[in-house]
Amino acid sequence: MTGSSDTRISSERDAPVQGFCRDCDHILDLPGKSAASAMDRCPRCHSPRVVMAPGLFALTVAHVDCDAFFANIEKRDRPDLRDKPVVVGGVGERGVVAAACYLARTWGIRSAMPMVTARRLCPDLVVLPPDREKYAREGARIAAMMHEITPLVERISIDEAFLDLSGTERLHGVPPALMLARLARRVERETGLTISIGLSFNKFLAKMASDLDKPRGFAVIDREGAQDFLDGLKVEELWGVGPAAARTLKKHGITTVRSLRERDKGWLLARFGKWGLHLYEVARGIDPRPVVPHHEPKSISAETTFAEDVADAWMLKATLWHLSRKVMKRALKKGKGGHVVMVKVRLADFETHTAQTHLNEPTLLAGRIFAAALPLMERLRQGRACRLIGCGIAELVDMDEAMLTRSLDARAEKLARAELAMERLRARFGSAAIDKGLGLSGKRID
């Protein structure tokens, strides 16, 4: 990736091309760019998996993404499914695809697609229910391997993370790029799963790179070629710019990253506020965010998709109560309470609505979450049938059980103690051990 621009990312121009073999770690002898462009195999092991880029060995920020994680775990554990299209998700007709293997993707199947659509696209599709405990174990296992090569690991989901390998070359004796290749081989060898790696000089570009070469990929966006790479994209190809955001930008005549970069900072700020500043920066490959090892959660939530659309008010209330209990359970485990209660409703026509309300004081109690969430749900659905409902808390603060009764009146303190006692009983004897009247009906989601 070459070229120049007056808004080009600050970089060392004409950095020497560096390269290595992903299979044997052989450092490639690349006296110039012409030699690099002519090399398509490792001279030592003849592997085609060679990585080359200007200033490659100085790049330290990576995004690691497990390939089709849920589906590949299931295919690993069931060899009879190896050559079959597999998805993980809701097994009912109203379920959605949580993950699809690469074979299933060749049929046009993707995550978040209604299962009925996926089955119509591929009649031979194998649909498996999720085993989240197993996926969490495998995710933690791979994360532990990441921590062995750098302490700066920021997990952003169960199957992906950012890594900062600055300063690790002195520790490991090889550049960060080689350590990442070794990590990929180790993951595949010890877990039977594969990962794709994006390497660059900041988080945004590392994430963009990891999507370029899947599965078992290793893609690099170097300093010298970053702007040319970005300028060749449509705005919807930028990480974080979804369909709705792309439509908004197109209304202003912005369809490509190059056209976005032509708008000055003041124009973007005036129309889009903080998001405008973000757009200004990413169009230029700027991302000052560090890799943060311990990322605090922004919210705690739970949701459920019904097998059939539900319009019955009692059933929806009972389900919302079970969701509130689930949020409480998760919040207690994290030691967090929230100042905000949120509700999500997806109607039968897939139209999705959200709402939130601020509380006078933070809580994690299911009763208070439910009391705040119920009118929000009723307002959003307006008597219409629901396909999905969810609730949660946000604006989180540290909170333990003692804090729940400190500022409440006597009656509220009694209710809080009763809720906490019931939650302890459920934790010991099972989720159905004890509940309020409303919780004895409705959809079980624990």
Protein backbone atom coordinates (compact mmCIF):
# COMPACT_ATOMS: atom_id res chain seq x y z
CA MET A 1 0.00 0.00 0.00
CA THR A 2 1.68 3.15 -1.18
CA GLY A 3 0.77 6.70 -2.12
CA SER A 4 0.73 10.11 -0.48
CA SER A 5 -1.76 12.68 0.76
CA ASP A 6 -1.70 15.94 2.65
CA THR A 7 -3.76 14.25 5.38
CA ARG A 8 -1.69 11.08 5.46
CA ILE A 9 -1.07 9.40 8.77
CA SER A 10 2.22 10.49 10.27
CA SER A 11 4.68 7.75 9.44
CA GLU A 12 8.14 6.87 8.37
CA ARG A 13 8.06 7.02 4.58
CA ASP A 14 9.68 4.23 2.62
CA ALA A 15 10.16 1.99 5.66
CA PRO A 16 12.03 -1.19 4.74
CA VAL A 17 9.86 -4.18 3.92
CA GLN A 18 10.13 -6.89 6.56
CA GLY A 19 8.72 -10.39 6.50
CA PHE A 20 8.59 -13.85 8.03
CA CYS A 21 7.02 -17.26 7.57
CA ARG A 22 4.00 -18.03 9.74
CA ASP A 23 4.76 -21.75 9.73
CA CYS A 24 8.48 -21.92 10.54
CA ASP A 25 9.30 -18.38 11.83
CA HIS A 26 11.96 -17.91 9.17
CA ILE A 27 12.90 -14.24 8.79
CA LEU A 28 12.75 -13.39 5.09
CA ASP A 29 15.61 -11.64 3.34
CA LEU A 30 13.91 -8.75 1.54
CA PRO A 31 16.49 -6.29 0.19
CA GLY A 32 13.77 -4.16 -1.44
CA LYS A 33 10.11 -3.89 -2.36
CA SER A 34 10.63 -5.60 -5.70
CA ALA A 35 12.09 -8.63 -3.94
CA ALA A 36 9.16 -8.66 -1.53
CA SER A 37 6.57 -8.54 -4.31
CA ALA A 38 8.30 -11.45 -6.06
CA MET A 39 8.36 -13.71 -2.98
CA ASP A 40 5.29 -15.90 -2.57
CA ARG A 41 6.72 -18.81 -0.57
CA CYS A 42 9.08 -19.32 2.33
CA PRO A 43 12.54 -20.26 1.01
CA ARG A 44 13.07 -22.58 3.97
CA CYS A 45 9.82 -24.61 4.28
CA HIS A 46 8.08 -23.53 1.04
CA SER A 47 4.95 -22.50 2.90
CA PRO A 48 2.81 -19.89 1.11
CA ARG A 49 1.89 -18.35 4.48
CA VAL A 50 4.37 -15.51 4.45
CA VAL A 51 3.71 -12.07 5.96
CA MET A 52 5.38 -8.96 4.56
CA ALA A 53 4.90 -5.24 5.16
CA PRO A 54 6.95 -2.04 5.49
CA GLY A 55 7.99 -1.64 9.11
CA LEU A 56 6.28 -4.92 10.04
CA PHE A 57 8.44 -5.69 13.07
CA ALA A 58 7.72 -2.29 14.67
CA LEU A 59 3.94 -2.87 14.75
CA THR A 60 2.70 -3.82 18.21
CA VAL A 61 -1.12 -3.59 18.42
CA ALA A 62 -3.12 -6.67 17.44
CA HIS A 63 -6.72 -7.80 17.29
CA VAL A 64 -7.21 -11.53 17.75
CA ASP A 65 -10.52 -13.05 16.69
CA CYS A 66 -11.50 -16.71 17.02
CA ASP A 67 -12.89 -18.06 13.74
CA ALA A 68 -16.62 -18.97 13.84
CA PHE A 69 -16.02 -19.66 17.52
CA PHE A 70 -19.23 -21.33 18.73
CA ALA A 71 -19.74 -23.33 15.55
CA ASN A 72 -16.11 -24.44 15.32
CA ILE A 73 -16.14 -25.68 18.92
CA GLU A 74 -19.16 -27.85 18.11
CA LYS A 75 -17.57 -29.17 14.91
CA ARG A 76 -14.36 -29.94 16.80
CA ASP A 77 -16.28 -31.90 19.44
CA ARG A 78 -18.38 -33.74 16.84
CA PRO A 79 -16.14 -34.91 13.99
CA ASP A 80 -19.18 -36.23 12.11
CA LEU A 81 -20.16 -32.58 11.51
CA ARG A 82 -16.81 -31.57 10.02
CA ASP A 83 -18.06 -31.41 6.42
CA LYS A 84 -21.56 -30.17 7.21
CA PRO A 85 -23.01 -26.65 7.43
CA VAL A 86 -23.46 -25.92 11.15
CA VAL A 87 -24.99 -23.02 13.03
CA VAL A 88 -25.43 -22.41 16.73
CA GLY A 89 -28.54 -20.61 17.94
CA GLY A 90 -32.19 -20.94 18.80
CA VAL A 91 -33.41 -24.34 17.67
CA GLY A 92 -37.04 -23.24 17.35
CA GLU A 93 -38.58 -21.64 14.28
CA ARG A 94 -38.38 -18.22 15.96
CA GLY A 95 -34.75 -18.55 16.98
CA VAL A 96 -31.84 -16.61 15.49
CA VAL A 97 -28.37 -17.63 14.36
CA ALA A 98 -25.72 -16.89 17.01
CA ALA A 99 -22.80 -18.26 14.98
CA ALA A 100 -22.33 -19.95 11.61
CA CYS A 101 -19.43 -22.07 10.42
CA TYR A 102 -17.69 -21.00 7.22
CA LEU A 103 -19.36 -23.73 5.19
CA ALA A 104 -22.77 -22.44 6.29
CA ARG A 105 -21.71 -18.91 5.33
CA THR A 106 -21.24 -20.01 1.72
CA TRP A 107 -25.04 -20.43 1.68
CA GLY A 108 -25.47 -16.79 2.70
CA ILE A 109 -26.11 -17.56 6.35
CA ARG A 110 -24.87 -15.01 8.88
CA SER A 111 -25.12 -14.17 12.57
CA ALA A 112 -28.39 -12.60 13.79
CA MET A 113 -30.31 -14.08 10.83
CA PRO A 114 -33.71 -15.59 11.70
CA MET A 115 -33.35 -19.35 11.88
CA VAL A 116 -36.29 -19.87 9.55
CA THR A 117 -34.41 -17.89 6.88
CA ALA A 118 -31.21 -19.88 7.48
CA ARG A 119 -33.08 -23.18 7.08
CA ARG A 120 -34.69 -21.94 3.89
CA LEU A 121 -31.28 -21.01 2.44
CA CYS A 122 -29.74 -24.36 3.41
CA PRO A 123 -32.19 -27.27 3.87
CA ASP A 124 -29.37 -29.53 5.15
CA LEU A 125 -28.35 -27.06 7.85
CA VAL A 126 -27.40 -28.56 11.22
CA VAL A 127 -28.75 -26.38 14.04
CA LEU A 128 -27.31 -26.82 17.54
CA PRO A 129 -28.34 -25.11 20.79
CA PRO A 130 -25.59 -23.02 22.42
CA ASP A 131 -23.49 -24.39 25.27
CA ARG A 132 -22.33 -21.10 26.75
CA GLU A 133 -20.42 -22.63 29.65
CA LYS A 134 -18.29 -24.63 27.24
CA TYR A 135 -17.68 -21.58 25.06
CA ALA A 136 -16.69 -19.52 28.12
CA ARG A 137 -14.17 -22.19 29.15
CA GLU A 138 -12.58 -22.25 25.72
CA GLY A 139 -12.51 -18.46 25.54
CA ALA A 140 -10.77 -18.26 28.92
CA ARG A 141 -8.30 -20.95 27.83
CA ILE A 142 -7.29 -18.96 24.74
CA ALA A 143 -7.17 -15.70 26.73
CA ALA A 144 -4.72 -17.33 29.14
CA MET A 145 -2.41 -18.06 26.20
CA MET A 146 -2.61 -14.40 25.18
CA HIS A 147 -1.64 -13.32 28.69
CA GLU A 148 1.50 -15.45 28.44
CA ILE A 149 2.87 -13.24 25.66
CA THR A 150 1.75 -9.84 27.01
CA PRO A 151 0.02 -8.49 30.12
CA LEU A 152 -1.85 -5.96 27.97
CA VAL A 153 -4.86 -8.02 26.85
CA GLU A 154 -8.25 -6.33 26.49
CA ARG A 155 -11.01 -8.87 25.96
CA ILE A 156 -13.96 -7.29 24.17
CA SER A 157 -16.04 -10.46 23.90
CA ILE A 158 -15.83 -14.15 24.68
CA ASP A 159 -13.85 -14.83 21.48
CA GLU A 160 -11.88 -11.67 20.64
CA ALA A 161 -9.37 -9.36 22.23
CA PHE A 162 -6.91 -6.55 21.61
CA LEU A 163 -3.25 -7.10 22.53
CA ASP A 164 -0.47 -4.56 22.94
CA LEU A 165 2.94 -6.19 22.58
CA SER A 166 5.01 -3.04 23.06
CA GLY A 167 8.30 -3.87 24.75
CA THR A 168 7.85 -7.64 24.52
CA GLU A 169 10.60 -8.17 21.95
CA ARG A 170 13.24 -7.88 24.65
CA LEU A 171 11.39 -10.49 26.71
CA HIS A 172 10.71 -13.02 23.93
CA GLY A 173 13.66 -12.33 21.65
CA VAL A 174 11.48 -12.01 18.55
CA PRO A 175 9.27 -9.21 17.16
CA PRO A 176 5.58 -9.06 18.12
CA ALA A 177 4.50 -10.34 14.69
CA LEU A 178 6.36 -13.62 15.22
CA MET A 179 4.94 -14.06 18.73
CA LEU A 180 1.44 -13.65 17.33
CA ALA A 181 2.10 -16.31 14.68
CA ARG A 182 3.34 -18.64 17.42
CA LEU A 183 0.19 -17.89 19.42
CA ALA A 184 -1.98 -18.87 16.45
CA ARG A 185 -0.11 -22.17 16.01
CA ARG A 186 -0.38 -22.94 19.72
CA VAL A 187 -4.12 -22.24 19.83
CA GLU A 188 -4.68 -24.55 16.87
CA ARG A 189 -2.41 -27.25 18.27
CA GLU A 190 -3.79 -27.26 21.83
CA THR A 191 -7.48 -26.47 21.29
CA GLY A 192 -8.20 -27.58 17.74
CA LEU A 193 -9.57 -24.10 17.02
CA THR A 194 -8.25 -21.36 14.77
CA ILE A 195 -7.80 -17.62 15.15
CA SER A 196 -7.36 -14.71 12.78
CA ILE A 197 -4.97 -11.88 13.57
CA GLY A 198 -4.93 -8.25 12.57
CA LEU A 199 -1.73 -6.30 13.26
CA SER A 200 -1.28 -2.54 13.04
CA PHE A 201 -0.28 0.49 15.10
CA ASN A 202 -3.64 1.18 16.79
CA LYS A 203 -6.79 -0.66 17.84
CA PHE A 204 -9.09 0.58 15.11
CA LEU A 205 -6.77 -0.50 12.29
CA ALA A 206 -5.92 -3.79 14.00
CA LYS A 207 -9.62 -4.62 14.13
CA MET A 208 -10.05 -3.64 10.48
CA ALA A 209 -7.09 -5.85 9.57
CA SER A 210 -8.39 -8.95 11.36
CA ASP A 211 -11.47 -8.96 9.13
CA LEU A 212 -9.41 -8.96 5.92
CA ASP A 213 -8.16 -12.53 5.98
CA LYS A 214 -10.38 -15.22 7.52
CA PRO A 215 -10.18 -17.95 8.63
CA ARG A 216 -6.64 -18.65 9.92
CA GLY A 217 -5.66 -15.22 8.69
CA PHE A 218 -2.84 -12.82 9.49
CA ALA A 219 -3.37 -9.37 7.95
CA VAL A 220 -1.30 -6.24 8.43
CA ILE A 221 -2.13 -2.57 7.96
CA ASP A 222 1.20 -0.79 8.08
CA ARG A 223 1.85 2.90 8.66
CA GLU A 224 2.92 3.57 5.10
CA GLY A 225 -0.14 2.08 3.45
CA ALA A 226 -2.87 2.76 6.01
CA GLN A 227 -4.34 5.84 4.35
CA ASP A 228 -4.47 4.28 0.91
CA PHE A 229 -6.22 1.27 2.42
CA LEU A 230 -8.83 3.44 4.16
CA ASP A 231 -9.42 5.63 1.10
CA GLY A 232 -10.43 2.57 -0.88
CA LEU A 233 -13.31 1.70 1.46
CA LYS A 234 -16.98 2.57 1.52
CA VAL A 235 -18.11 4.19 4.76
CA GLU A 236 -20.16 1.12 5.75
CA GLU A 237 -16.95 -0.93 5.72
CA LEU A 238 -15.55 1.05 8.64
CA TRP A 239 -15.70 -0.75 11.97
CA GLY A 240 -18.55 0.74 13.99
CA VAL A 241 -20.46 2.26 11.06
CA GLY A 242 -23.63 0.23 10.71
CA PRO A 243 -26.35 0.43 8.04
CA ALA A 244 -28.28 3.23 9.79
CA ALA A 245 -25.13 5.32 10.25
CA ALA A 246 -24.13 4.75 6.63
CA ARG A 247 -27.55 5.94 5.47
CA THR A 248 -27.17 9.10 7.57
CA LEU A 249 -23.78 9.83 6.04
CA LYS A 250 -25.08 9.20 2.52
CA LYS A 251 -27.74 11.86 3.05
CA HIS A 252 -24.82 14.29 3.35
CA GLY A 253 -23.15 12.96 0.21
CA ILE A 254 -20.59 10.86 2.11
CA THR A 255 -20.35 7.38 0.64
CA THR A 256 -16.62 6.59 0.80
CA VAL A 257 -13.90 7.11 3.38
CA ARG A 258 -12.14 9.43 0.96
CA SER A 259 -15.26 11.63 0.76
CA LEU A 260 -15.52 11.51 4.56
CA ARG A 261 -11.91 12.64 4.87
CA GLU A 262 -12.63 15.62 2.64
CA ARG A 263 -14.98 17.06 5.29
CA ASP A 264 -13.20 19.19 7.87
CA LYS A 265 -13.44 18.63 11.60
CA GLY A 266 -15.71 21.61 12.26
CA TRP A 267 -18.27 20.48 9.68
CA LEU A 268 -18.41 16.96 11.19
CA LEU A 269 -18.61 18.24 14.77
CA ALA A 270 -21.42 20.65 13.92
CA ARG A 271 -23.57 17.90 12.42
CA PHE A 272 -22.65 14.80 14.40
CA GLY A 273 -21.13 15.98 17.70
CA LYS A 274 -18.75 13.49 19.35
CA TRP A 275 -19.48 10.93 16.67
CA GLY A 276 -18.27 13.50 14.13
CA LEU A 277 -14.92 13.71 15.90
CA HIS A 278 -14.68 9.93 15.86
CA LEU A 279 -15.40 9.89 12.12
CA TYR A 280 -12.78 12.57 11.50
CA GLU A 281 -10.16 10.47 13.29
CA VAL A 282 -10.94 7.02 11.89
CA ALA A 283 -11.01 8.37 8.33
CA ARG A 284 -7.36 9.29 8.94
CA GLY A 285 -6.45 6.07 10.75
CA ILE A 286 -6.23 7.84 14.11
CA ASP A 287 -7.16 5.97 17.29
CA PRO A 288 -5.55 7.17 20.53
CA ARG A 289 -7.25 4.58 22.75
CA PRO A 290 -4.83 2.36 24.68
CA VAL A 291 -5.29 -1.36 25.17
CA VAL A 292 -6.96 -1.56 28.59
CA PRO A 293 -6.50 -4.94 30.33
CA HIS A 294 -9.41 -4.61 32.76
CA HIS A 295 -12.41 -3.25 30.90
CA GLU A 296 -15.27 -2.24 33.19
CA PRO A 297 -18.71 -3.38 31.97
CA LYS A 298 -21.00 -0.55 30.86
CA SER A 299 -24.23 -2.44 31.49
CA ILE A 300 -25.67 -5.74 32.73
CA SER A 301 -28.64 -7.12 30.85
CA ALA A 302 -30.67 -10.18 29.90
CA GLU A 303 -33.09 -10.85 27.07
CA THR A 304 -35.09 -13.70 25.61
CA THR A 305 -36.63 -14.51 22.21
CA PHE A 306 -40.04 -16.20 22.29
CA ALA A 307 -40.79 -19.32 20.28
CA GLU A 308 -43.99 -17.57 19.16
CA ASP A 309 -45.00 -13.91 19.29
CA VAL A 310 -46.49 -13.08 22.69
CA ALA A 311 -49.22 -10.51 23.21
CA ASP A 312 -50.54 -11.78 26.57
CA ALA A 313 -49.79 -9.08 29.15
CA TRP A 314 -49.46 -11.52 32.06
CA MET A 315 -46.99 -13.72 30.20
CA LEU A 316 -44.88 -10.71 29.23
CA LYS A 317 -44.91 -9.40 32.80
CA ALA A 318 -43.87 -12.81 34.15
CA THR A 319 -41.06 -13.05 31.60
CA LEU A 320 -39.88 -9.54 32.47
CA TRP A 321 -39.77 -10.57 36.12
CA HIS A 322 -37.59 -13.59 35.30
CA LEU A 323 -35.29 -11.32 33.26
CA SER A 324 -35.06 -8.86 36.16
CA ARG A 325 -34.06 -11.73 38.43
CA LYS A 326 -31.42 -12.80 35.94
CA VAL A 327 -30.00 -9.26 35.83
CA MET A 328 -29.90 -9.22 39.64
CA LYS A 329 -28.03 -12.54 39.71
CA ARG A 330 -25.42 -11.25 37.27
CA ALA A 331 -25.13 -7.90 39.04
CA LEU A 332 -24.56 -9.57 42.41
CA LYS A 333 -21.82 -11.69 40.89
CA LYS A 334 -20.10 -8.57 39.51
CA GLY A 335 -20.75 -6.47 42.61
CA LYS A 336 -22.45 -3.75 40.54
CA GLY A 337 -25.62 -1.72 40.74
CA GLY A 338 -27.07 0.64 38.17
CA HIS A 339 -28.48 4.16 38.14
CA VAL A 340 -30.37 3.39 34.91
CA VAL A 341 -32.90 0.69 34.02
CA MET A 342 -33.14 -0.18 30.32
CA VAL A 343 -35.75 -2.10 28.32
CA LYS A 344 -35.61 -3.57 24.83
CA VAL A 345 -38.63 -4.75 22.85
CA ARG A 346 -38.65 -6.39 19.43
CA LEU A 347 -42.08 -6.57 17.85
CA ALA A 348 -43.46 -9.26 15.56
CA ASP A 349 -42.38 -7.30 12.46
CA PHE A 350 -38.76 -7.20 13.79
CA GLU A 351 -39.05 -3.50 14.66
CA THR A 352 -36.88 -2.95 17.73
CA HIS A 353 -37.39 -0.23 20.36
CA THR A 354 -35.42 0.68 23.47
CA ALA A 355 -36.09 2.97 26.43
CA GLN A 356 -34.49 3.78 29.77
CA THR A 357 -35.22 5.56 33.02
CA HIS A 358 -32.96 7.05 35.70
CA LEU A 359 -33.36 5.98 39.32
CA ASN A 360 -32.91 8.20 42.37
CA GLU A 361 -30.31 5.76 43.68
CA PRO A 362 -28.55 2.76 42.14
CA THR A 363 -29.92 -0.74 42.56
CA LEU A 364 -29.42 -4.35 41.57
CA LEU A 365 -32.60 -5.64 43.17
CA ALA A 366 -34.92 -7.52 40.83
CA GLY A 367 -37.99 -5.87 42.37
CA ARG A 368 -36.80 -2.34 41.66
CA ILE A 369 -35.54 -3.26 38.19
CA PHE A 370 -38.90 -4.85 37.36
CA ALA A 371 -40.91 -1.93 38.76
CA ALA A 372 -38.97 0.52 36.59
CA ALA A 373 -38.89 -1.73 33.51
CA LEU A 374 -42.59 -2.68 33.38
CA PRO A 375 -44.01 0.73 32.38
CA LEU A 376 -41.21 1.12 29.83
CA MET A 377 -42.08 -2.22 28.24
CA GLU A 378 -45.79 -1.37 28.12
CA ARG A 379 -45.06 2.01 26.57
CA LEU A 380 -42.83 0.51 23.89
CA ARG A 381 -45.11 -2.32 22.84
CA GLN A 382 -48.45 -0.43 23.05
CA GLY A 383 -50.42 -3.65 23.29
CA ARG A 384 -48.66 -5.26 20.33
CA ALA A 385 -47.21 -8.77 20.30
CA CYS A 386 -43.51 -9.15 21.10
CA ARG A 387 -40.90 -11.37 19.54
CA LEU A 388 -38.20 -10.47 22.07
CA ILE A 389 -37.99 -8.55 25.34
CA GLY A 390 -35.00 -7.64 27.47
CA CYS A 391 -34.03 -5.48 30.41
CA GLY A 392 -30.88 -4.37 32.19
CA ILE A 393 -29.08 -1.76 34.25
CA ALA A 394 -26.49 0.81 33.19
CA GLU A 395 -24.38 3.65 34.62
CA LEU A 396 -22.89 1.02 36.88
CA VAL A 397 -21.35 1.62 40.29
CA ASP A 398 -19.73 -0.72 42.79
CA MET A 399 -22.39 -2.12 45.12
CA ASP A 400 -22.49 -4.87 47.72
CA GLU A 401 -25.40 -6.26 49.71
CA ALA A 402 -24.85 -3.91 52.65
CA MET A 403 -25.22 -0.87 50.40
CA LEU A 404 -28.68 -1.99 49.28
CA THR A 405 -30.24 -1.20 52.67
CA ARG A 406 -28.12 1.73 53.80
CA SER A 407 -30.25 4.55 52.39
CA LEU A 408 -33.67 2.88 52.26
CA ASP A 409 -36.63 3.26 54.61
CA ALA A 410 -37.63 0.42 56.93
CA ARG A 411 -40.13 -1.16 54.55
CA ALA A 412 -37.74 -0.99 51.60
CA GLU A 413 -34.96 -2.44 53.75
CA LYS A 414 -37.17 -5.39 54.65
CA LEU A 415 -38.00 -6.01 50.99
CA ALA A 416 -34.34 -5.79 50.02
CA ARG A 417 -33.32 -8.30 52.66
CA ALA A 418 -36.10 -10.65 51.54
CA GLU A 419 -34.96 -10.46 47.90
CA LEU A 420 -31.34 -11.12 48.82
CA ALA A 421 -32.37 -14.07 50.99
CA MET A 422 -34.40 -15.56 48.12
CA GLU A 423 -31.49 -15.13 45.73
CA ARG A 424 -29.19 -16.98 48.15
CA LEU A 425 -31.71 -19.83 48.32
CA ARG A 426 -31.93 -20.00 44.54
CA ALA A 427 -28.15 -20.03 44.27
CA ARG A 428 -28.04 -22.97 46.66
CA PHE A 429 -31.06 -25.03 45.62
CA GLY A 430 -31.74 -23.99 42.02
CA SER A 431 -33.51 -21.17 40.21
CA ALA A 432 -36.99 -22.64 40.82
CA ALA A 433 -36.51 -23.14 44.56
CA ILE A 434 -38.39 -20.00 45.60
CA ASP A 435 -40.09 -17.07 43.89
CA LYS A 436 -42.88 -14.54 44.07
CA GLY A 437 -46.34 -15.23 42.66
CA LEU A 438 -45.60 -13.55 39.34
CA GLY A 439 -42.47 -15.64 38.91
CA LEU A 440 -44.37 -18.91 39.16
CA SER A 441 -45.68 -18.45 35.61
CA GLY A 442 -44.17 -17.30 32.37
CA LYS A 443 -41.11 -18.32 30.40
CA ARG A 444 -38.25 -19.92 32.36
CA ILE A 445 -34.97 -18.36 31.21
CA ASP A 446 -32.54 -19.09 34.08
